[in-house]
PDB file of N, CA and C in Angstrom:
ATOM      1  N   MET A   1     -13.266 -35.592 -55.120  1.00  0.00           N
ATOM      2  CA  MET A   1     -13.429 -34.838 -53.895  1.00  0.00           C
ATOM      3  C   MET A   1     -13.797 -35.738 -52.719  1.00  0.00           C
ATOM      4  N   LYS A   2     -14.637 -36.737 -52.980  1.00  0.00           N
ATOM      5  CA  LYS A   2     -15.046 -37.633 -51.907  1.00  0.00           C
ATOM      6  C   LYS A   2     -13.867 -38.406 -51.349  1.00  0.00           C
ATOM      7  N   SER A   3     -12.927 -38.749 -52.191  1.00  0.00           N
ATOM      8  CA  SER A   3     -11.773 -39.511 -51.742  1.00  0.00           C
ATOM      9  C   SER A   3     -10.957 -38.727 -50.717  1.00  0.00           C
ATOM     10  N   LYS A   4     -10.825 -37.433 -50.950  1.00  0.00           N
ATOM     11  CA  LYS A   4     -10.066 -36.595 -50.015  1.00  0.00           C
ATOM     12  C   LYS A   4     -10.771 -36.531 -48.663  1.00  0.00           C
ATOM     13  N   THR A   5     -12.090 -36.395 -48.672  1.00  0.00           N
ATOM     14  CA  THR A   5     -12.857 -36.370 -47.428  1.00  0.00           C
ATOM     15  C   THR A   5     -12.724 -37.697 -46.699  1.00  0.00           C
ATOM     16  N   ALA A   6     -12.812 -38.793 -47.433  1.00  0.00           N
ATOM     17  CA  ALA A   6     -12.685 -40.109 -46.819  1.00  0.00           C
ATOM     18  C   ALA A   6     -11.301 -40.294 -46.205  1.00  0.00           C
ATOM     19  N   ASP A   7     -10.270 -39.817 -46.886  1.00  0.00           N
ATOM     20  CA  ASP A   7      -8.909 -39.927 -46.357  1.00  0.00           C
ATOM     21  C   ASP A   7      -8.747 -39.127 -45.071  1.00  0.00           C
ATOM     22  N   ILE A   8      -9.310 -37.939 -45.050  1.00  0.00           N
ATOM     23  CA  ILE A   8      -9.215 -37.094 -43.853  1.00  0.00           C
ATOM     24  C   ILE A   8      -9.961 -37.746 -42.682  1.00  0.00           C
ATOM     25  N   LEU A   9     -11.163 -38.261 -42.942  1.00  0.00           N
ATOM     26  CA  LEU A   9     -11.927 -38.911 -41.881  1.00  0.00           C
ATOM     27  C   LEU A   9     -11.245 -40.181 -41.390  1.00  0.00           C
ATOM     28  N   LEU A  10     -10.643 -40.937 -42.296  1.00  0.00           N
ATOM     29  CA  LEU A  10      -9.914 -42.135 -41.895  1.00  0.00           C
ATOM     30  C   LEU A  10      -8.718 -41.774 -41.024  1.00  0.00           C
ATOM     31  N   ALA A  11      -8.012 -40.720 -41.382  1.00  0.00           N
ATOM     32  CA  ALA A  11      -6.883 -40.264 -40.567  1.00  0.00           C
ATOM     33  C   ALA A  11      -7.361 -39.806 -39.193  1.00  0.00           C
ATOM     34  N   LEU A  12      -8.508 -39.138 -39.144  1.00  0.00           N
ATOM     35  CA  LEU A  12      -9.064 -38.687 -37.862  1.00  0.00           C
ATOM     36  C   LEU A  12      -9.428 -39.875 -36.979  1.00  0.00           C
ATOM     37  N   VAL A  13     -10.054 -40.892 -37.560  1.00  0.00           N
ATOM     38  CA  VAL A  13     -10.402 -42.094 -36.800  1.00  0.00           C
ATOM     39  C   VAL A  13      -9.139 -42.776 -36.273  1.00  0.00           C
ATOM     40  N   ALA A  14      -8.115 -42.883 -37.109  1.00  0.00           N
ATOM     41  CA  ALA A  14      -6.860 -43.509 -36.688  1.00  0.00           C
ATOM     42  C   ALA A  14      -6.207 -42.710 -35.558  1.00  0.00           C
ATOM     43  N   LEU A  15      -6.282 -41.401 -35.637  1.00  0.00           N
ATOM     44  CA  LEU A  15      -5.716 -40.546 -34.586  1.00  0.00           C
ATOM     45  C   LEU A  15      -6.442 -40.740 -33.261  1.00  0.00           C
ATOM     46  N   ILE A  16      -7.763 -40.748 -33.315  1.00  0.00           N
ATOM     47  CA  ILE A  16      -8.549 -40.938 -32.093  1.00  0.00           C
ATOM     48  C   ILE A  16      -8.321 -42.337 -31.530  1.00  0.00           C
ATOM     49  N   TRP A  17      -8.350 -43.342 -32.401  1.00  0.00           N
ATOM     50  CA  TRP A  17      -8.161 -44.725 -31.941  1.00  0.00           C
ATOM     51  C   TRP A  17      -6.763 -44.907 -31.345  1.00  0.00           C
ATOM     52  N   GLY A  18      -5.761 -44.388 -32.005  1.00  0.00           N
ATOM     53  CA  GLY A  18      -4.398 -44.533 -31.517  1.00  0.00           C
ATOM     54  C   GLY A  18      -4.144 -43.783 -30.223  1.00  0.00           C
ATOM     55  N   SER A  19      -4.761 -42.621 -30.071  1.00  0.00           N
ATOM     56  CA  SER A  19      -4.558 -41.860 -28.834  1.00  0.00           C
ATOM     57  C   SER A  19      -5.213 -42.549 -27.646  1.00  0.00           C
ATOM     58  N   GLY A  20      -6.174 -43.424 -27.918  1.00  0.00           N
ATOM     59  CA  GLY A  20      -6.818 -44.158 -26.830  1.00  0.00           C
ATOM     60  C   GLY A  20      -5.844 -45.019 -26.042  1.00  0.00           C
ATOM     61  N   PHE A  21      -4.840 -45.561 -26.710  1.00  0.00           N
ATOM     62  CA  PHE A  21      -3.836 -46.363 -26.003  1.00  0.00           C
ATOM     63  C   PHE A  21      -3.037 -45.509 -25.015  1.00  0.00           C
ATOM     64  N   ALA A  22      -2.630 -44.333 -25.450  1.00  0.00           N
ATOM     65  CA  ALA A  22      -1.862 -43.444 -24.577  1.00  0.00           C
ATOM     66  C   ALA A  22      -2.710 -42.966 -23.404  1.00  0.00           C
ATOM     67  N   VAL A  23      -3.951 -42.620 -23.671  1.00  0.00           N
ATOM     68  CA  VAL A  23      -4.839 -42.151 -22.603  1.00  0.00           C
ATOM     69  C   VAL A  23      -5.118 -43.272 -21.611  1.00  0.00           C
ATOM     70  N   SER A  24      -5.313 -44.488 -22.102  1.00  0.00           N
ATOM     71  CA  SER A  24      -5.535 -45.622 -21.197  1.00  0.00           C
ATOM     72  C   SER A  24      -4.317 -45.876 -20.316  1.00  0.00           C
ATOM     73  N   GLN A  25      -3.130 -45.770 -20.886  1.00  0.00           N
ATOM     74  CA  GLN A  25      -1.918 -45.964 -20.095  1.00  0.00           C
ATOM     75  C   GLN A  25      -1.772 -44.873 -19.036  1.00  0.00           C
ATOM     76  N   MET A  26      -2.090 -43.632 -19.400  1.00  0.00           N
ATOM     77  CA  MET A  26      -2.023 -42.546 -18.412  1.00  0.00           C
ATOM     78  C   MET A  26      -3.035 -42.772 -17.290  1.00  0.00           C
ATOM     79  N   ALA A  27      -4.219 -43.269 -17.634  1.00  0.00           N
ATOM     80  CA  ALA A  27      -5.230 -43.538 -16.610  1.00  0.00           C
ATOM     81  C   ALA A  27      -4.781 -44.663 -15.685  1.00  0.00           C
ATOM     82  N   LEU A  28      -4.169 -45.698 -16.248  1.00  0.00           N
ATOM     83  CA  LEU A  28      -3.661 -46.790 -15.405  1.00  0.00           C
ATOM     84  C   LEU A  28      -2.519 -46.307 -14.519  1.00  0.00           C
ATOM     85  N   ASP A  29      -1.662 -45.437 -15.045  1.00  0.00           N
ATOM     86  CA  ASP A  29      -0.573 -44.875 -14.252  1.00  0.00           C
ATOM     87  C   ASP A  29      -1.091 -43.982 -13.129  1.00  0.00           C
ATOM     88  N   ALA A  30      -2.290 -43.418 -13.305  1.00  0.00           N
ATOM     89  CA  ALA A  30      -2.900 -42.570 -12.285  1.00  0.00           C
ATOM     90  C   ALA A  30      -3.681 -43.403 -11.265  1.00  0.00           C
ATOM     91  N   ASN A  31      -3.475 -44.713 -11.296  1.00  0.00           N
ATOM     92  CA  ASN A  31      -4.085 -45.661 -10.359  1.00  0.00           C
ATOM     93  C   ASN A  31      -5.604 -45.754 -10.480  1.00  0.00           C
ATOM     94  N   LEU A  32      -6.132 -45.527 -11.668  1.00  0.00           N
ATOM     95  CA  LEU A  32      -7.551 -45.792 -11.899  1.00  0.00           C
ATOM     96  C   LEU A  32      -7.707 -47.277 -12.214  1.00  0.00           C
ATOM     97  N   SER A  33      -8.765 -47.861 -11.719  1.00  0.00           N
ATOM     98  CA  SER A  33      -8.996 -49.269 -12.004  1.00  0.00           C
ATOM     99  C   SER A  33      -9.510 -49.421 -13.437  1.00  0.00           C
ATOM    100  N   PRO A  34      -9.299 -50.586 -14.034  1.00  0.00           N
ATOM    101  CA  PRO A  34      -9.837 -50.805 -15.387  1.00  0.00           C
ATOM    102  C   PRO A  34     -11.347 -50.583 -15.456  1.00  0.00           C
ATOM    103  N   PHE A  35     -12.071 -50.949 -14.395  1.00  0.00           N
ATOM    104  CA  PHE A  35     -13.508 -50.725 -14.359  1.00  0.00           C
ATOM    105  C   PHE A  35     -13.835 -49.231 -14.412  1.00  0.00           C
ATOM    106  N   SER A  36     -13.074 -48.422 -13.687  1.00  0.00           N
ATOM    107  CA  SER A  36     -13.289 -46.974 -13.702  1.00  0.00           C
ATOM    108  C   SER A  36     -12.997 -46.385 -15.079  1.00  0.00           C
ATOM    109  N   ILE A  37     -11.951 -46.858 -15.699  1.00  0.00           N
ATOM    110  CA  ILE A  37     -11.595 -46.371 -17.036  1.00  0.00           C
ATOM    111  C   ILE A  37     -12.718 -46.678 -18.022  1.00  0.00           C
ATOM    112  N   MET A  38     -13.230 -47.904 -17.985  1.00  0.00           N
ATOM    113  CA  MET A  38     -14.324 -48.271 -18.891  1.00  0.00           C
ATOM    114  C   MET A  38     -15.587 -47.450 -18.593  1.00  0.00           C
ATOM    115  N   THR A  39     -15.843 -47.194 -17.313  1.00  0.00           N
ATOM    116  CA  THR A  39     -16.999 -46.382 -16.938  1.00  0.00           C
ATOM    117  C   THR A  39     -16.892 -44.993 -17.537  1.00  0.00           C
ATOM    118  N   TYR A  40     -15.738 -44.369 -17.407  1.00  0.00           N
ATOM    119  CA  TYR A  40     -15.540 -43.030 -17.965  1.00  0.00           C
ATOM    120  C   TYR A  40     -15.624 -43.047 -19.493  1.00  0.00           C
ATOM    121  N   ARG A  41     -15.053 -44.055 -20.121  1.00  0.00           N
ATOM    122  CA  ARG A  41     -15.098 -44.131 -21.589  1.00  0.00           C
ATOM    123  C   ARG A  41     -16.535 -44.247 -22.091  1.00  0.00           C
ATOM    124  N   PHE A  42     -17.332 -45.110 -21.452  1.00  0.00           N
ATOM    125  CA  PHE A  42     -18.717 -45.274 -21.881  1.00  0.00           C
ATOM    126  C   PHE A  42     -19.560 -44.051 -21.537  1.00  0.00           C
ATOM    127  N   LEU A  43     -19.270 -43.390 -20.428  1.00  0.00           N
ATOM    128  CA  LEU A  43     -19.990 -42.171 -20.070  1.00  0.00           C
ATOM    129  C   LEU A  43     -19.740 -41.074 -21.106  1.00  0.00           C
ATOM    130  N   ILE A  44     -18.488 -40.896 -21.483  1.00  0.00           N
ATOM    131  CA  ILE A  44     -18.146 -39.884 -22.483  1.00  0.00           C
ATOM    132  C   ILE A  44     -18.785 -40.217 -23.824  1.00  0.00           C
ATOM    133  N   SER A  45     -18.707 -41.485 -24.233  1.00  0.00           N
ATOM    134  CA  SER A  45     -19.290 -41.856 -25.530  1.00  0.00           C
ATOM    135  C   SER A  45     -20.811 -41.718 -25.514  1.00  0.00           C
ATOM    136  N   THR A  46     -21.448 -42.024 -24.389  1.00  0.00           N
ATOM    137  CA  THR A  46     -22.897 -41.861 -24.284  1.00  0.00           C
ATOM    138  C   THR A  46     -23.282 -40.393 -24.409  1.00  0.00           C
ATOM    139  N   LEU A  47     -22.557 -39.524 -23.725  1.00  0.00           N
ATOM    140  CA  LEU A  47     -22.852 -38.093 -23.814  1.00  0.00           C
ATOM    141  C   LEU A  47     -22.664 -37.570 -25.236  1.00  0.00           C
ATOM    142  N   LEU A  48     -21.602 -38.007 -25.908  1.00  0.00           N
ATOM    143  CA  LEU A  48     -21.385 -37.582 -27.286  1.00  0.00           C
ATOM    144  C   LEU A  48     -22.497 -38.086 -28.214  1.00  0.00           C
ATOM    145  N   MET A  49     -22.915 -39.323 -28.020  1.00  0.00           N
ATOM    146  CA  MET A  49     -23.988 -39.869 -28.861  1.00  0.00           C
ATOM    147  C   MET A  49     -25.305 -39.124 -28.625  1.00  0.00           C
ATOM    148  N   VAL A  50     -25.592 -38.775 -27.377  1.00  0.00           N
ATOM    149  CA  VAL A  50     -26.819 -38.026 -27.086  1.00  0.00           C
ATOM    150  C   VAL A  50     -26.764 -36.652 -27.741  1.00  0.00           C
ATOM    151  N   ILE A  51     -25.608 -36.008 -27.688  1.00  0.00           N
ATOM    152  CA  ILE A  51     -25.470 -34.693 -28.320  1.00  0.00           C
ATOM    153  C   ILE A  51     -25.635 -34.797 -29.828  1.00  0.00           C
ATOM    154  N   ILE A  52     -24.995 -35.773 -30.434  1.00  0.00           N
ATOM    155  CA  ILE A  52     -25.031 -35.915 -31.889  1.00  0.00           C
ATOM    156  C   ILE A  52     -26.427 -36.318 -32.378  1.00  0.00           C
ATOM    157  N   PHE A  53     -27.082 -37.226 -31.661  1.00  0.00           N
ATOM    158  CA  PHE A  53     -28.366 -37.770 -32.102  1.00  0.00           C
ATOM    159  C   PHE A  53     -29.533 -37.287 -31.250  1.00  0.00           C
ATOM    160  N   TRP A  54     -29.470 -36.042 -30.768  1.00  0.00           N
ATOM    161  CA  TRP A  54     -30.473 -35.514 -29.853  1.00  0.00           C
ATOM    162  C   TRP A  54     -31.889 -35.594 -30.419  1.00  0.00           C
ATOM    163  N   LYS A  55     -32.066 -35.319 -31.712  1.00  0.00           N
ATOM    164  CA  LYS A  55     -33.422 -35.314 -32.267  1.00  0.00           C
ATOM    165  C   LYS A  55     -34.061 -36.706 -32.234  1.00  0.00           C
ATOM    166  N   TYR A  56     -33.260 -37.749 -32.199  1.00  0.00           N
ATOM    167  CA  TYR A  56     -33.788 -39.105 -32.068  1.00  0.00           C
ATOM    168  C   TYR A  56     -33.973 -39.487 -30.602  1.00  0.00           C
ATOM    169  N   VAL A  57     -33.076 -39.035 -29.760  1.00  0.00           N
ATOM    170  CA  VAL A  57     -33.129 -39.378 -28.330  1.00  0.00           C
ATOM    171  C   VAL A  57     -34.382 -38.788 -27.685  1.00  0.00           C
ATOM    172  N   LYS A  58     -34.761 -37.581 -28.074  1.00  0.00           N
ATOM    173  CA  LYS A  58     -35.921 -36.942 -27.441  1.00  0.00           C
ATOM    174  C   LYS A  58     -37.231 -37.632 -27.806  1.00  0.00           C
ATOM    175  N   ASP A  59     -37.231 -38.470 -28.837  1.00  0.00           N
ATOM    176  CA  ASP A  59     -38.436 -39.197 -29.229  1.00  0.00           C
ATOM    177  C   ASP A  59     -38.541 -40.582 -28.605  1.00  0.00           C
ATOM    178  N   ILE A  60     -37.608 -40.959 -27.745  1.00  0.00           N
ATOM    179  CA  ILE A  60     -37.642 -42.273 -27.100  1.00  0.00           C
ATOM    180  C   ILE A  60     -38.779 -42.304 -26.085  1.00  0.00           C
ATOM    181  N   ASN A  61     -39.560 -43.392 -26.097  1.00  0.00           N
ATOM    182  CA  ASN A  61     -40.657 -43.529 -25.135  1.00  0.00           C
ATOM    183  C   ASN A  61     -40.433 -44.767 -24.263  1.00  0.00           C
ATOM    184  N   LEU A  62     -41.355 -45.011 -23.359  1.00  0.00           N
ATOM    185  CA  LEU A  62     -41.210 -46.118 -22.415  1.00  0.00           C
ATOM    186  C   LEU A  62     -41.176 -47.472 -23.120  1.00  0.00           C
ATOM    187  N   ALA A  63     -41.944 -47.634 -24.175  1.00  0.00           N
ATOM    188  CA  ALA A  63     -41.951 -48.904 -24.918  1.00  0.00           C
ATOM    189  C   ALA A  63     -40.575 -49.177 -25.534  1.00  0.00           C
ATOM    190  N   ASP A  64     -39.913 -48.124 -26.032  1.00  0.00           N
ATOM    191  CA  ASP A  64     -38.561 -48.291 -26.583  1.00  0.00           C
ATOM    192  C   ASP A  64     -37.575 -48.710 -25.502  1.00  0.00           C
ATOM    193  N   ILE A  65     -37.703 -48.127 -24.325  1.00  0.00           N
ATOM    194  CA  ILE A  65     -36.791 -48.468 -23.219  1.00  0.00           C
ATOM    195  C   ILE A  65     -37.003 -49.911 -22.780  1.00  0.00           C
ATOM    196  N   LYS A  66     -38.282 -50.331 -22.682  1.00  0.00           N
ATOM    197  CA  LYS A  66     -38.567 -51.729 -22.306  1.00  0.00           C
ATOM    198  C   LYS A  66     -38.007 -52.702 -23.341  1.00  0.00           C
ATOM    199  N   ALA A  67     -38.231 -52.417 -24.623  1.00  0.00           N
ATOM    200  CA  ALA A  67     -37.721 -53.294 -25.680  1.00  0.00           C
ATOM    201  C   ALA A  67     -36.193 -53.346 -25.649  1.00  0.00           C
ATOM    202  N   GLY A  68     -35.548 -52.212 -25.443  1.00  0.00           N
ATOM    203  CA  GLY A  68     -34.090 -52.171 -25.354  1.00  0.00           C
ATOM    204  C   GLY A  68     -33.568 -52.951 -24.161  1.00  0.00           C
ATOM    205  N   ALA A  69     -34.280 -52.868 -23.033  1.00  0.00           N
ATOM    206  CA  ALA A  69     -33.868 -53.603 -21.835  1.00  0.00           C
ATOM    207  C   ALA A  69     -33.977 -55.113 -22.059  1.00  0.00           C
ATOM    208  N   ILE A  70     -35.036 -55.538 -22.727  1.00  0.00           N
ATOM    209  CA  ILE A  70     -35.204 -56.972 -23.005  1.00  0.00           C
ATOM    210  C   ILE A  70     -34.106 -57.460 -23.945  1.00  0.00           C
ATOM    211  N   ILE A  71     -33.851 -56.728 -25.001  1.00  0.00           N
ATOM    212  CA  ILE A  71     -32.799 -57.116 -25.938  1.00  0.00           C
ATOM    213  C   ILE A  71     -31.433 -57.097 -25.236  1.00  0.00           C
ATOM    214  N   GLY A  72     -31.180 -56.067 -24.437  1.00  0.00           N
ATOM    215  CA  GLY A  72     -29.921 -55.977 -23.699  1.00  0.00           C
ATOM    216  C   GLY A  72     -29.731 -57.132 -22.727  1.00  0.00           C
ATOM    217  N   PHE A  73     -30.818 -57.590 -22.109  1.00  0.00           N
ATOM    218  CA  PHE A  73     -30.730 -58.715 -21.188  1.00  0.00           C
ATOM    219  C   PHE A  73     -30.216 -59.955 -21.884  1.00  0.00           C
ATOM    220  N   PHE A  74     -30.676 -60.200 -23.104  1.00  0.00           N
ATOM    221  CA  PHE A  74     -30.249 -61.390 -23.820  1.00  0.00           C
ATOM    222  C   PHE A  74     -28.833 -61.268 -24.368  1.00  0.00           C
ATOM    223  N   PHE A  75     -28.289 -60.061 -24.415  1.00  0.00           N
ATOM    224  CA  PHE A  75     -26.906 -59.881 -24.829  1.00  0.00           C
ATOM    225  C   PHE A  75     -25.919 -60.104 -23.693  1.00  0.00           C
ATOM    226  N   LEU A  76     -26.432 -60.270 -22.474  1.00  0.00           N
ATOM    227  CA  LEU A  76     -25.540 -60.545 -21.348  1.00  0.00           C
ATOM    228  C   LEU A  76     -24.937 -61.887 -21.555  1.00  0.00           C
TER     229      LEU A  76
END
């Protein structure tokens, strides 16, 4: 049974990943800049992650934000 679920999820990931190429091309054809496209993609993914992981997001405090900012700075 697990194999069938894994196959379905893998197909779903491939569908989403593959459709990203078509959506990116449509956005470029609509004269959106690559920076704008990336901004929208990250905004959508951030909103989805907040919705999915809301019970963890609501527990974030200032110390977590500071630590994340420091780590993020070194990833630049």
